[in-house]
């Protein structure tokens, strides 16, 4: 079969690889679409994936075309979105409900072959069936949405909060849509990319600007979410949190990224700084929200690129162009 392969640091190619075969509790999925993510860029840079080469792609959906001998829950022809998370279920973190922090954490498309291919293997337990009205290609958005749902689980947002989101790429826009639906009093978005900021305005925001200085909230925001991973944005965001507020590090920063905190202010103003790592008990909820129209795929997905052009799609994504870019085998 044809697949994208990150062969070494900085090098991605499209080539032929062996067809996958299901294990006893696995299914083989004919991939309909696979989304690109910042994690893919980190893998290309030599981070995250324990070893290369690897077939990337952890955001994908498709049709089941083969099932293992022990699979009874699904059959060929079922359309599914796939949770890429692979947990050991045995370590201290798994046993205390923090599976996303598993000591043996693994993921389809990061540590095992992923969905940037014509076919991919997944445990049947990781597959969620799609209702008839959901387009299979669009359902590649369910995985990133499940990360955003996890982010809101961490925030434990209260009604009437004032929210500031840094970044109006895919993840920032998803956090925007969830903020609007969790009782926020206002949702502001900042981004230095005018095109992306215009998309945020199109979806409906209280304020949109290149910097929070252009927004009228001198006392700060109750919830500040970084969806960029950019050091300058993170540093600025930490200074915008109101008293008793929360800062969520949601964007994936490079390993070497460093910012400065003010311990006295954190103490004196009871500021919470927290993070959100991937998916945790949120994939099924994200699939339901998606099916109920929480996102408009035609707004979120800006590019549908043939798999043959995967390296080009990576370059476009790295440049900051567009919104969600998906590859289509």
C-alpha atoms as a PDB file:
ATOM      1  CA  UNK A   1       0.000   0.000   0.000  1.00  0.00           C
ATOM      2  CA  UNK A   2       0.980   3.650  -0.323  1.00  0.00           C
ATOM      3  CA  UNK A   3       1.924   5.564   2.823  1.00  0.00           C
ATOM      4  CA  UNK A   4       3.695   8.695   3.983  1.00  0.00           C
ATOM      5  CA  UNK A   5       6.838   7.870   5.947  1.00  0.00           C
ATOM      6  CA  UNK A   6       8.980  10.151   8.074  1.00  0.00           C
ATOM      7  CA  UNK A   7      12.257   8.410   7.318  1.00  0.00           C
ATOM      8  CA  UNK A   8      14.631  10.582   9.306  1.00  0.00           C
ATOM      9  CA  UNK A   9      14.783  14.008  10.918  1.00  0.00           C
ATOM     10  CA  UNK A  10      13.570  16.534   8.356  1.00  0.00           C
ATOM     11  CA  UNK A  11      12.736  13.970   5.669  1.00  0.00           C
ATOM     12  CA  UNK A  12       9.227  12.787   4.741  1.00  0.00           C
ATOM     13  CA  UNK A  13       8.452  10.714   1.646  1.00  0.00           C
ATOM     14  CA  UNK A  14       5.539   8.832   0.124  1.00  0.00           C
ATOM     15  CA  UNK A  15       6.365   5.237  -0.643  1.00  0.00           C
ATOM     16  CA  UNK A  16       5.080   1.674  -0.731  1.00  0.00           C
ATOM     17  CA  UNK A  17       4.917  -0.231   2.569  1.00  0.00           C
ATOM     18  CA  UNK A  18       3.500  -3.689   3.429  1.00  0.00           C
ATOM     19  CA  UNK A  19      -0.260  -3.995   3.769  1.00  0.00           C
ATOM     20  CA  UNK A  20      -1.329  -4.112   7.428  1.00  0.00           C
ATOM     21  CA  UNK A  21      -2.918  -7.194   8.996  1.00  0.00           C
ATOM     22  CA  UNK A  22      -5.206  -7.091  12.049  1.00  0.00           C
ATOM     23  CA  UNK A  23      -4.376  -8.739  15.334  1.00  0.00           C
ATOM     24  CA  UNK A  24      -7.104 -10.711  17.156  1.00  0.00           C
ATOM     25  CA  UNK A  25      -8.741  -7.560  18.591  1.00  0.00           C
ATOM     26  CA  UNK A  26      -7.819  -5.163  15.793  1.00  0.00           C
ATOM     27  CA  UNK A  27      -9.521  -3.782  12.709  1.00  0.00           C
ATOM     28  CA  UNK A  28      -8.014  -2.566   9.455  1.00  0.00           C
ATOM     29  CA  UNK A  29      -9.353   0.827   8.395  1.00  0.00           C
ATOM     30  CA  UNK A  30      -9.338   2.117   4.834  1.00  0.00           C
ATOM     31  CA  UNK A  31      -8.391   5.706   5.591  1.00  0.00           C
ATOM     32  CA  UNK A  32     -10.753   8.356   4.223  1.00  0.00           C
ATOM     33  CA  UNK A  33      -8.801  11.332   5.560  1.00  0.00           C
ATOM     34  CA  UNK A  34      -5.942  12.020   7.942  1.00  0.00           C
ATOM     35  CA  UNK A  35      -5.343  15.392   9.568  1.00  0.00           C
ATOM     36  CA  UNK A  36      -1.979  17.066   9.998  1.00  0.00           C
ATOM     37  CA  UNK A  37      -1.060  18.256  13.464  1.00  0.00           C
ATOM     38  CA  UNK A  38       1.743  20.044  15.265  1.00  0.00           C
ATOM     39  CA  UNK A  39       2.759  16.665  16.638  1.00  0.00           C
ATOM     40  CA  UNK A  40       3.635  15.585  13.088  1.00  0.00           C
ATOM     41  CA  UNK A  41       6.012  18.535  12.816  1.00  0.00           C
ATOM     42  CA  UNK A  42       7.603  17.593  16.122  1.00  0.00           C
ATOM     43  CA  UNK A  43       8.137  14.054  14.824  1.00  0.00           C
ATOM     44  CA  UNK A  44       9.702  15.502  11.688  1.00  0.00           C
ATOM     45  CA  UNK A  45      12.010  17.527  13.947  1.00  0.00           C
ATOM     46  CA  UNK A  46      13.075  14.405  15.830  1.00  0.00           C
ATOM     47  CA  UNK A  47      10.810  14.827  18.869  1.00  0.00           C
ATOM     48  CA  UNK A  48       8.030  12.613  20.292  1.00  0.00           C
ATOM     49  CA  UNK A  49       8.426   9.484  18.146  1.00  0.00           C
ATOM     50  CA  UNK A  50      10.794   7.058  19.910  1.00  0.00           C
ATOM     51  CA  UNK A  51      12.325   5.950  16.639  1.00  0.00           C
ATOM     52  CA  UNK A  52      12.198   6.576  12.916  1.00  0.00           C
ATOM     53  CA  UNK A  53      11.074   5.686  10.311  1.00  0.00           C
ATOM     54  CA  UNK A  54       7.387   5.959  11.185  1.00  0.00           C
ATOM     55  CA  UNK A  55       4.142   6.263   9.256  1.00  0.00           C
ATOM     56  CA  UNK A  56       2.634   9.360  10.920  1.00  0.00           C
ATOM     57  CA  UNK A  57      -0.994  10.349  11.244  1.00  0.00           C
ATOM     58  CA  UNK A  58      -2.941  10.155  14.509  1.00  0.00           C
ATOM     59  CA  UNK A  59      -6.052  12.045  13.354  1.00  0.00           C
ATOM     60  CA  UNK A  60      -7.938   9.802  10.973  1.00  0.00           C
ATOM     61  CA  UNK A  61     -11.230   8.196  10.082  1.00  0.00           C
ATOM     62  CA  UNK A  62     -12.289   5.635   7.524  1.00  0.00           C
ATOM     63  CA  UNK A  63     -14.086   2.403   6.747  1.00  0.00           C
ATOM     64  CA  UNK A  64     -13.429  -0.949   8.386  1.00  0.00           C
ATOM     65  CA  UNK A  65     -12.300  -3.403   5.704  1.00  0.00           C
ATOM     66  CA  UNK A  66     -11.002  -6.300   7.839  1.00  0.00           C
ATOM     67  CA  UNK A  67     -11.429  -7.471  11.424  1.00  0.00           C
ATOM     68  CA  UNK A  68      -9.420  -9.735  13.701  1.00  0.00           C
ATOM     69  CA  UNK A  69     -10.724 -13.102  14.817  1.00  0.00           C
ATOM     70  CA  UNK A  70     -11.722 -11.814  18.245  1.00  0.00           C
ATOM     71  CA  UNK A  71     -13.678  -8.791  17.031  1.00  0.00           C
ATOM     72  CA  UNK A  72     -17.455  -8.957  17.461  1.00  0.00           C
ATOM     73  CA  UNK A  73     -18.308  -5.284  18.001  1.00  0.00           C
ATOM     74  CA  UNK A  74     -17.708  -4.193  14.416  1.00  0.00           C
ATOM     75  CA  UNK A  75     -17.858  -5.552  10.928  1.00  0.00           C
ATOM     76  CA  UNK A  76     -16.588  -4.614   7.507  1.00  0.00           C
ATOM     77  CA  UNK A  77     -18.316  -1.571   6.139  1.00  0.00           C
ATOM     78  CA  UNK A  78     -18.581   0.240   9.461  1.00  0.00           C
ATOM     79  CA  UNK A  79     -17.342   3.826   9.284  1.00  0.00           C
ATOM     80  CA  UNK A  80     -15.239   4.886  12.249  1.00  0.00           C
ATOM     81  CA  UNK A  81     -13.174   7.637  13.832  1.00  0.00           C
ATOM     82  CA  UNK A  82     -10.080   6.320  15.582  1.00  0.00           C
ATOM     83  CA  UNK A  83      -8.703   7.277  18.984  1.00  0.00           C
ATOM     84  CA  UNK A  84      -4.929   6.885  18.549  1.00  0.00           C
ATOM     85  CA  UNK A  85      -4.162   6.497  22.263  1.00  0.00           C
ATOM     86  CA  UNK A  86      -2.496   3.260  23.340  1.00  0.00           C
ATOM     87  CA  UNK A  87      -2.240   2.701  27.090  1.00  0.00           C
ATOM     88  CA  UNK A  88      -0.744  -0.110  29.150  1.00  0.00           C
ATOM     89  CA  UNK A  89      -3.609  -0.073  31.728  1.00  0.00           C
ATOM     90  CA  UNK A  90      -1.131  -1.406  34.295  1.00  0.00           C
ATOM     91  CA  UNK A  91       1.131   1.442  35.443  1.00  0.00           C
ATOM     92  CA  UNK A  92       0.436   3.746  38.389  1.00  0.00           C
ATOM     93  CA  UNK A  93      -1.001   6.478  36.173  1.00  0.00           C
ATOM     94  CA  UNK A  94      -3.333   4.193  34.264  1.00  0.00           C
ATOM     95  CA  UNK A  95      -4.522   2.633  37.520  1.00  0.00           C
ATOM     96  CA  UNK A  96      -5.317   6.059  38.970  1.00  0.00           C
ATOM     97  CA  UNK A  97      -7.270   7.217  35.917  1.00  0.00           C
ATOM     98  CA  UNK A  98      -4.503   9.265  34.291  1.00  0.00           C
ATOM     99  CA  UNK A  99      -4.072   7.028  31.256  1.00  0.00           C
ATOM    100  CA  UNK A 100      -2.865   9.900  29.091  1.00  0.00           C
ATOM    101  CA  UNK A 101       0.194  10.069  31.364  1.00  0.00           C
ATOM    102  CA  UNK A 102       0.844   6.330  31.004  1.00  0.00           C
ATOM    103  CA  UNK A 103       4.444   5.340  31.771  1.00  0.00           C
ATOM    104  CA  UNK A 104       4.379   3.284  28.565  1.00  0.00           C
ATOM    105  CA  UNK A 105       2.395   5.851  26.594  1.00  0.00           C
ATOM    106  CA  UNK A 106       2.115   5.076  22.900  1.00  0.00           C
ATOM    107  CA  UNK A 107      -0.067   6.240  20.040  1.00  0.00           C
ATOM    108  CA  UNK A 108      -1.023   5.242  16.532  1.00  0.00           C
ATOM    109  CA  UNK A 109       0.903   7.526  14.197  1.00  0.00           C
ATOM    110  CA  UNK A 110       3.532   8.337  16.821  1.00  0.00           C
ATOM    111  CA  UNK A 111       4.944   5.051  18.077  1.00  0.00           C
ATOM    112  CA  UNK A 112       3.175   2.696  15.644  1.00  0.00           C
ATOM    113  CA  UNK A 113       2.136   3.108  12.000  1.00  0.00           C
ATOM    114  CA  UNK A 114      -0.588   5.700  11.602  1.00  0.00           C
ATOM    115  CA  UNK A 115      -3.251   6.980   9.267  1.00  0.00           C
ATOM    116  CA  UNK A 116      -1.174   8.876   6.687  1.00  0.00           C
ATOM    117  CA  UNK A 117      -1.625   5.838   4.494  1.00  0.00           C
ATOM    118  CA  UNK A 118      -4.203   3.985   2.454  1.00  0.00           C
ATOM    119  CA  UNK A 119      -4.858   1.591   5.346  1.00  0.00           C
ATOM    120  CA  UNK A 120      -4.202   1.602   9.102  1.00  0.00           C
ATOM    121  CA  UNK A 121      -4.613  -0.861  11.969  1.00  0.00           C
ATOM    122  CA  UNK A 122      -6.335   0.077  15.228  1.00  0.00           C
ATOM    123  CA  UNK A 123      -7.654  -1.778  18.271  1.00  0.00           C
ATOM    124  CA  UNK A 124     -11.398  -2.196  17.982  1.00  0.00           C
ATOM    125  CA  UNK A 125     -11.725  -0.551  21.402  1.00  0.00           C
ATOM    126  CA  UNK A 126     -10.277   2.643  19.907  1.00  0.00           C
ATOM    127  CA  UNK A 127     -12.871   2.914  17.147  1.00  0.00           C
ATOM    128  CA  UNK A 128     -16.103   4.890  17.399  1.00  0.00           C
ATOM    129  CA  UNK A 129     -18.805   4.298  14.812  1.00  0.00           C
ATOM    130  CA  UNK A 130     -19.992   7.312  12.856  1.00  0.00           C
ATOM    131  CA  UNK A 131     -23.685   8.088  12.349  1.00  0.00           C
ATOM    132  CA  UNK A 132     -24.992   8.130   8.805  1.00  0.00           C
ATOM    133  CA  UNK A 133     -25.125  11.922   8.482  1.00  0.00           C
ATOM    134  CA  UNK A 134     -21.417  12.449   9.293  1.00  0.00           C
ATOM    135  CA  UNK A 135     -19.085  12.496   6.286  1.00  0.00           C
ATOM    136  CA  UNK A 136     -16.207  10.099   6.855  1.00  0.00           C
ATOM    137  CA  UNK A 137     -13.577  12.529   5.553  1.00  0.00           C
ATOM    138  CA  UNK A 138     -14.756  15.184   8.003  1.00  0.00           C
ATOM    139  CA  UNK A 139     -14.475  12.827  10.965  1.00  0.00           C
ATOM    140  CA  UNK A 140     -10.689  13.221  11.019  1.00  0.00           C
ATOM    141  CA  UNK A 141     -11.599  16.269  13.143  1.00  0.00           C
ATOM    142  CA  UNK A 142     -12.905  14.112  15.992  1.00  0.00           C
ATOM    143  CA  UNK A 143      -9.434  13.380  17.411  1.00  0.00           C
ATOM    144  CA  UNK A 144      -8.310  17.022  17.733  1.00  0.00           C
ATOM    145  CA  UNK A 145     -11.763  17.876  19.084  1.00  0.00           C
ATOM    146  CA  UNK A 146     -11.290  15.194  21.747  1.00  0.00           C
ATOM    147  CA  UNK A 147      -8.066  16.953  22.793  1.00  0.00           C
ATOM    148  CA  UNK A 148      -9.995  20.215  23.115  1.00  0.00           C
ATOM    149  CA  UNK A 149     -12.678  18.483  25.192  1.00  0.00           C
ATOM    150  CA  UNK A 150      -9.926  17.200  27.469  1.00  0.00           C
ATOM    151  CA  UNK A 151      -8.631  20.756  27.748  1.00  0.00           C
ATOM    152  CA  UNK A 152     -12.010  21.934  28.967  1.00  0.00           C
ATOM    153  CA  UNK A 153     -12.135  19.059  31.437  1.00  0.00           C
ATOM    154  CA  UNK A 154      -8.885  20.384  32.908  1.00  0.00           C
ATOM    155  CA  UNK A 155     -10.161  23.970  32.991  1.00  0.00           C
ATOM    156  CA  UNK A 156     -13.305  23.049  34.937  1.00  0.00           C
ATOM    157  CA  UNK A 157     -14.727  26.254  33.566  1.00  0.00           C
ATOM    158  CA  UNK A 158     -17.449  27.999  35.506  1.00  0.00           C
ATOM    159  CA  UNK A 159     -20.380  29.871  34.004  1.00  0.00           C
ATOM    160  CA  UNK A 160     -19.788  33.511  33.145  1.00  0.00           C
ATOM    161  CA  UNK A 161     -16.012  33.278  32.700  1.00  0.00           C
ATOM    162  CA  UNK A 162     -14.111  35.714  30.493  1.00  0.00           C
ATOM    163  CA  UNK A 163     -11.877  33.701  28.152  1.00  0.00           C
ATOM    164  CA  UNK A 164      -8.816  34.682  26.144  1.00  0.00           C
ATOM    165  CA  UNK A 165      -7.424  32.287  23.519  1.00  0.00           C
ATOM    166  CA  UNK A 166      -4.009  32.715  21.921  1.00  0.00           C
ATOM    167  CA  UNK A 167      -4.046  31.337  18.374  1.00  0.00           C
ATOM    168  CA  UNK A 168      -6.861  30.858  15.883  1.00  0.00           C
ATOM    169  CA  UNK A 169      -5.548  27.788  14.134  1.00  0.00           C
ATOM    170  CA  UNK A 170      -7.561  24.581  14.311  1.00  0.00           C
ATOM    171  CA  UNK A 171      -7.108  24.011  18.030  1.00  0.00           C
ATOM    172  CA  UNK A 172      -7.724  27.626  18.981  1.00  0.00           C
ATOM    173  CA  UNK A 173     -10.922  27.629  16.932  1.00  0.00           C
ATOM    174  CA  UNK A 174     -12.063  24.407  18.587  1.00  0.00           C
ATOM    175  CA  UNK A 175     -11.428  25.892  22.028  1.00  0.00           C
ATOM    176  CA  UNK A 176     -13.396  28.936  20.873  1.00  0.00           C
ATOM    177  CA  UNK A 177     -16.392  26.805  19.911  1.00  0.00           C
ATOM    178  CA  UNK A 178     -16.291  24.928  23.227  1.00  0.00           C
ATOM    179  CA  UNK A 179     -15.950  28.177  25.196  1.00  0.00           C
ATOM    180  CA  UNK A 180     -19.069  29.533  23.499  1.00  0.00           C
ATOM    181  CA  UNK A 181     -20.968  26.414  24.525  1.00  0.00           C
ATOM    182  CA  UNK A 182     -19.801  26.237  28.142  1.00  0.00           C
ATOM    183  CA  UNK A 183     -21.349  29.470  29.318  1.00  0.00           C
ATOM    184  CA  UNK A 184     -18.502  31.945  28.805  1.00  0.00           C
ATOM    185  CA  UNK A 185     -19.454  35.578  29.342  1.00  0.00           C
ATOM    186  CA  UNK A 186     -16.977  36.590  26.638  1.00  0.00           C
ATOM    187  CA  UNK A 187     -14.447  34.891  24.366  1.00  0.00           C
ATOM    188  CA  UNK A 188     -11.580  36.888  22.891  1.00  0.00           C
ATOM    189  CA  UNK A 189      -9.011  35.573  20.418  1.00  0.00           C
ATOM    190  CA  UNK A 190      -5.582  36.952  19.529  1.00  0.00           C
ATOM    191  CA  UNK A 191      -3.451  35.939  16.562  1.00  0.00           C
ATOM    192  CA  UNK A 192      -0.813  37.600  14.402  1.00  0.00           C
ATOM    193  CA  UNK A 193      -2.174  35.840  11.303  1.00  0.00           C
ATOM    194  CA  UNK A 194      -4.935  38.097   9.854  1.00  0.00           C
ATOM    195  CA  UNK A 195      -6.487  35.324   7.762  1.00  0.00           C
ATOM    196  CA  UNK A 196      -6.854  33.005  10.749  1.00  0.00           C
ATOM    197  CA  UNK A 197      -8.150  35.830  12.897  1.00  0.00           C
ATOM    198  CA  UNK A 198     -10.825  36.526  10.313  1.00  0.00           C
ATOM    199  CA  UNK A 199     -11.988  32.909  10.642  1.00  0.00           C
ATOM    200  CA  UNK A 200     -12.378  33.429  14.393  1.00  0.00           C
ATOM    201  CA  UNK A 201     -14.507  36.508  13.700  1.00  0.00           C
ATOM    202  CA  UNK A 202     -16.576  34.473  11.254  1.00  0.00           C
ATOM    203  CA  UNK A 203     -17.298  31.902  13.965  1.00  0.00           C
ATOM    204  CA  UNK A 204     -18.282  34.588  16.434  1.00  0.00           C
ATOM    205  CA  UNK A 205     -16.052  36.165  19.086  1.00  0.00           C
ATOM    206  CA  UNK A 206     -16.383  38.980  21.581  1.00  0.00           C
ATOM    207  CA  UNK A 207     -13.104  40.461  20.393  1.00  0.00           C
ATOM    208  CA  UNK A 208     -10.351  39.563  17.935  1.00  0.00           C
ATOM    209  CA  UNK A 209      -7.007  41.321  17.669  1.00  0.00           C
ATOM    210  CA  UNK A 210      -3.302  40.929  17.037  1.00  0.00           C
ATOM    211  CA  UNK A 211      -2.562  41.627  20.714  1.00  0.00           C
ATOM    212  CA  UNK A 212      -4.609  41.707  23.930  1.00  0.00           C
ATOM    213  CA  UNK A 213      -3.639  45.360  24.303  1.00  0.00           C
ATOM    214  CA  UNK A 214      -6.258  46.092  21.630  1.00  0.00           C
ATOM    215  CA  UNK A 215      -8.958  44.451  23.748  1.00  0.00           C
ATOM    216  CA  UNK A 216     -10.757  46.159  26.601  1.00  0.00           C
ATOM    217  CA  UNK A 217     -10.053  44.010  29.640  1.00  0.00           C
ATOM    218  CA  UNK A 218      -7.391  45.680  31.783  1.00  0.00           C
ATOM    219  CA  UNK A 219      -8.209  43.474  34.770  1.00  0.00           C
ATOM    220  CA  UNK A 220      -7.328  40.347  32.766  1.00  0.00           C
ATOM    221  CA  UNK A 221      -9.201  37.185  31.849  1.00  0.00           C
ATOM    222  CA  UNK A 222     -10.525  34.396  34.070  1.00  0.00           C
ATOM    223  CA  UNK A 223      -9.316  31.736  31.658  1.00  0.00           C
ATOM    224  CA  UNK A 224      -6.328  32.173  29.365  1.00  0.00           C
ATOM    225  CA  UNK A 225      -5.606  29.397  26.867  1.00  0.00           C
ATOM    226  CA  UNK A 226      -2.444  29.146  24.825  1.00  0.00           C
ATOM    227  CA  UNK A 227      -3.130  27.193  21.635  1.00  0.00           C
ATOM    228  CA  UNK A 228       0.119  28.181  19.910  1.00  0.00           C
ATOM    229  CA  UNK A 229       3.051  26.646  21.785  1.00  0.00           C
ATOM    230  CA  UNK A 230       4.890  29.891  20.997  1.00  0.00           C
ATOM    231  CA  UNK A 231       7.119  31.214  23.796  1.00  0.00           C
ATOM    232  CA  UNK A 232       6.180  34.870  23.261  1.00  0.00           C
ATOM    233  CA  UNK A 233       2.454  34.078  23.313  1.00  0.00           C
ATOM    234  CA  UNK A 234       2.814  31.929  26.420  1.00  0.00           C
ATOM    235  CA  UNK A 235       4.809  34.595  28.242  1.00  0.00           C
ATOM    236  CA  UNK A 236       2.267  37.258  27.353  1.00  0.00           C
ATOM    237  CA  UNK A 237      -0.641  35.026  28.302  1.00  0.00           C
ATOM    238  CA  UNK A 238       0.705  34.342  31.768  1.00  0.00           C
ATOM    239  CA  UNK A 239       0.606  38.075  32.430  1.00  0.00           C
ATOM    240  CA  UNK A 240      -3.031  38.383  31.277  1.00  0.00           C
ATOM    241  CA  UNK A 241      -4.605  36.042  33.840  1.00  0.00           C
ATOM    242  CA  UNK A 242      -6.978  37.780  36.232  1.00  0.00           C
ATOM    243  CA  UNK A 243      -6.924  37.216  39.974  1.00  0.00           C
ATOM    244  CA  UNK A 244      -8.086  33.686  40.844  1.00  0.00           C
ATOM    245  CA  UNK A 245      -7.834  32.859  37.136  1.00  0.00           C
ATOM    246  CA  UNK A 246      -6.364  29.910  35.257  1.00  0.00           C
ATOM    247  CA  UNK A 247      -3.773  29.632  32.511  1.00  0.00           C
ATOM    248  CA  UNK A 248      -3.980  26.505  30.353  1.00  0.00           C
ATOM    249  CA  UNK A 249      -0.975  25.400  28.332  1.00  0.00           C
ATOM    250  CA  UNK A 250      -2.797  23.674  25.498  1.00  0.00           C
ATOM    251  CA  UNK A 251      -0.502  24.294  22.523  1.00  0.00           C
ATOM    252  CA  UNK A 252       2.464  21.945  22.093  1.00  0.00           C
ATOM    253  CA  UNK A 253       5.715  23.825  22.602  1.00  0.00           C
ATOM    254  CA  UNK A 254       9.178  22.697  21.537  1.00  0.00           C
ATOM    255  CA  UNK A 255      11.131  20.865  24.223  1.00  0.00           C
ATOM    256  CA  UNK A 256      13.523  23.812  24.574  1.00  0.00           C
ATOM    257  CA  UNK A 257      10.820  26.478  25.070  1.00  0.00           C
ATOM    258  CA  UNK A 258      11.218  28.417  28.324  1.00  0.00           C
ATOM    259  CA  UNK A 259       9.186  31.210  29.923  1.00  0.00           C
ATOM    260  CA  UNK A 260       9.389  33.109  33.211  1.00  0.00           C
ATOM    261  CA  UNK A 261       6.776  32.951  35.957  1.00  0.00           C
ATOM    262  CA  UNK A 262       6.172  35.307  38.865  1.00  0.00           C
ATOM    263  CA  UNK A 263       5.860  33.069  41.964  1.00  0.00           C
ATOM    264  CA  UNK A 264       4.704  35.870  44.272  1.00  0.00           C
ATOM    265  CA  UNK A 265       1.892  36.861  41.889  1.00  0.00           C
ATOM    266  CA  UNK A 266       0.830  33.229  41.525  1.00  0.00           C
ATOM    267  CA  UNK A 267       0.667  32.964  45.322  1.00  0.00           C
ATOM    268  CA  UNK A 268      -0.823  36.364  46.036  1.00  0.00           C
ATOM    269  CA  UNK A 269      -3.484  36.257  43.323  1.00  0.00           C
ATOM    270  CA  UNK A 270      -4.218  32.521  43.541  1.00  0.00           C
ATOM    271  CA  UNK A 271      -3.467  31.921  39.891  1.00  0.00           C
ATOM    272  CA  UNK A 272      -3.563  28.380  38.546  1.00  0.00           C
ATOM    273  CA  UNK A 273      -1.195  27.234  35.784  1.00  0.00           C
ATOM    274  CA  UNK A 274      -2.009  23.870  34.283  1.00  0.00           C
ATOM    275  CA  UNK A 275      -1.634  21.773  31.145  1.00  0.00           C
ATOM    276  CA  UNK A 276      -3.682  19.389  29.039  1.00  0.00           C
ATOM    277  CA  UNK A 277      -2.091  16.344  27.449  1.00  0.00           C
ATOM    278  CA  UNK A 278      -3.840  14.739  24.464  1.00  0.00           C
ATOM    279  CA  UNK A 279      -6.949  12.609  24.977  1.00  0.00           C
ATOM    280  CA  UNK A 280      -8.436  11.261  28.208  1.00  0.00           C
ATOM    281  CA  UNK A 281     -11.957   9.821  28.416  1.00  0.00           C
ATOM    282  CA  UNK A 282     -12.976  12.429  25.859  1.00  0.00           C
ATOM    283  CA  UNK A 283     -13.028  10.728  22.462  1.00  0.00           C
ATOM    284  CA  UNK A 284     -16.583   9.389  22.601  1.00  0.00           C
ATOM    285  CA  UNK A 285     -17.887  12.727  23.879  1.00  0.00           C
ATOM    286  CA  UNK A 286     -16.055  14.528  21.087  1.00  0.00           C
ATOM    287  CA  UNK A 287     -17.595  12.165  18.525  1.00  0.00           C
ATOM    288  CA  UNK A 288     -21.064  12.947  19.880  1.00  0.00           C
ATOM    289  CA  UNK A 289     -20.426  16.691  19.906  1.00  0.00           C
ATOM    290  CA  UNK A 290     -19.119  16.486  16.361  1.00  0.00           C
ATOM    291  CA  UNK A 291     -22.175  14.526  15.218  1.00  0.00           C
ATOM    292  CA  UNK A 292     -24.368  17.172  16.850  1.00  0.00           C
ATOM    293  CA  UNK A 293     -22.715  19.971  14.879  1.00  0.00           C
ATOM    294  CA  UNK A 294     -20.399  21.653  17.396  1.00  0.00           C
ATOM    295  CA  UNK A 295     -17.953  22.257  14.516  1.00  0.00           C
ATOM    296  CA  UNK A 296     -18.453  23.226  10.897  1.00  0.00           C
ATOM    297  CA  UNK A 297     -16.005  21.033   8.929  1.00  0.00           C
ATOM    298  CA  UNK A 298     -16.234  23.305   5.907  1.00  0.00           C
ATOM    299  CA  UNK A 299     -14.854  26.146   8.027  1.00  0.00           C
ATOM    300  CA  UNK A 300     -12.264  24.157   9.970  1.00  0.00           C
ATOM    301  CA  UNK A 301     -10.834  22.170   7.043  1.00  0.00           C
ATOM    302  CA  UNK A 302      -9.084  24.519   4.644  1.00  0.00           C
ATOM    303  CA  UNK A 303      -7.117  22.021   2.520  1.00  0.00           C
ATOM    304  CA  UNK A 304      -7.787  18.475   1.343  1.00  0.00           C
ATOM    305  CA  UNK A 305      -4.511  17.263  -0.157  1.00  0.00           C
ATOM    306  CA  UNK A 306      -3.838  13.954  -1.951  1.00  0.00           C
ATOM    307  CA  UNK A 307      -1.630  11.571   0.011  1.00  0.00           C
ATOM    308  CA  UNK A 308       0.954  11.747  -2.792  1.00  0.00           C
ATOM    309  CA  UNK A 309       1.589  15.355  -1.755  1.00  0.00           C
ATOM    310  CA  UNK A 310       2.107  14.675   1.955  1.00  0.00           C
ATOM    311  CA  UNK A 311       5.549  16.360   2.148  1.00  0.00           C
ATOM    312  CA  UNK A 312       4.088  19.439   0.440  1.00  0.00           C
ATOM    313  CA  UNK A 313       1.159  19.413   2.876  1.00  0.00           C
ATOM    314  CA  UNK A 314       3.595  19.308   5.798  1.00  0.00           C
ATOM    315  CA  UNK A 315       5.443  22.316   4.402  1.00  0.00           C
ATOM    316  CA  UNK A 316       2.195  24.233   3.990  1.00  0.00           C
ATOM    317  CA  UNK A 317       1.147  23.379   7.526  1.00  0.00           C
ATOM    318  CA  UNK A 318       4.545  24.418   8.915  1.00  0.00           C
ATOM    319  CA  UNK A 319       4.243  27.783   7.147  1.00  0.00           C
ATOM    320  CA  UNK A 320       1.066  28.589   9.064  1.00  0.00           C
ATOM    321  CA  UNK A 321      -1.083  28.652   5.947  1.00  0.00           C
ATOM    322  CA  UNK A 322      -4.690  27.537   6.087  1.00  0.00           C
ATOM    323  CA  UNK A 323      -6.437  25.914   9.026  1.00  0.00           C
ATOM    324  CA  UNK A 324      -6.817  22.141   9.315  1.00  0.00           C
ATOM    325  CA  UNK A 325      -5.050  20.380   6.476  1.00  0.00           C
ATOM    326  CA  UNK A 326      -6.066  16.798   5.784  1.00  0.00           C
ATOM    327  CA  UNK A 327      -4.509  14.299   3.403  1.00  0.00           C
ATOM    328  CA  UNK A 328      -6.805  12.062   1.415  1.00  0.00           C
ATOM    329  CA  UNK A 329      -5.514   8.692   0.144  1.00  0.00           C
END
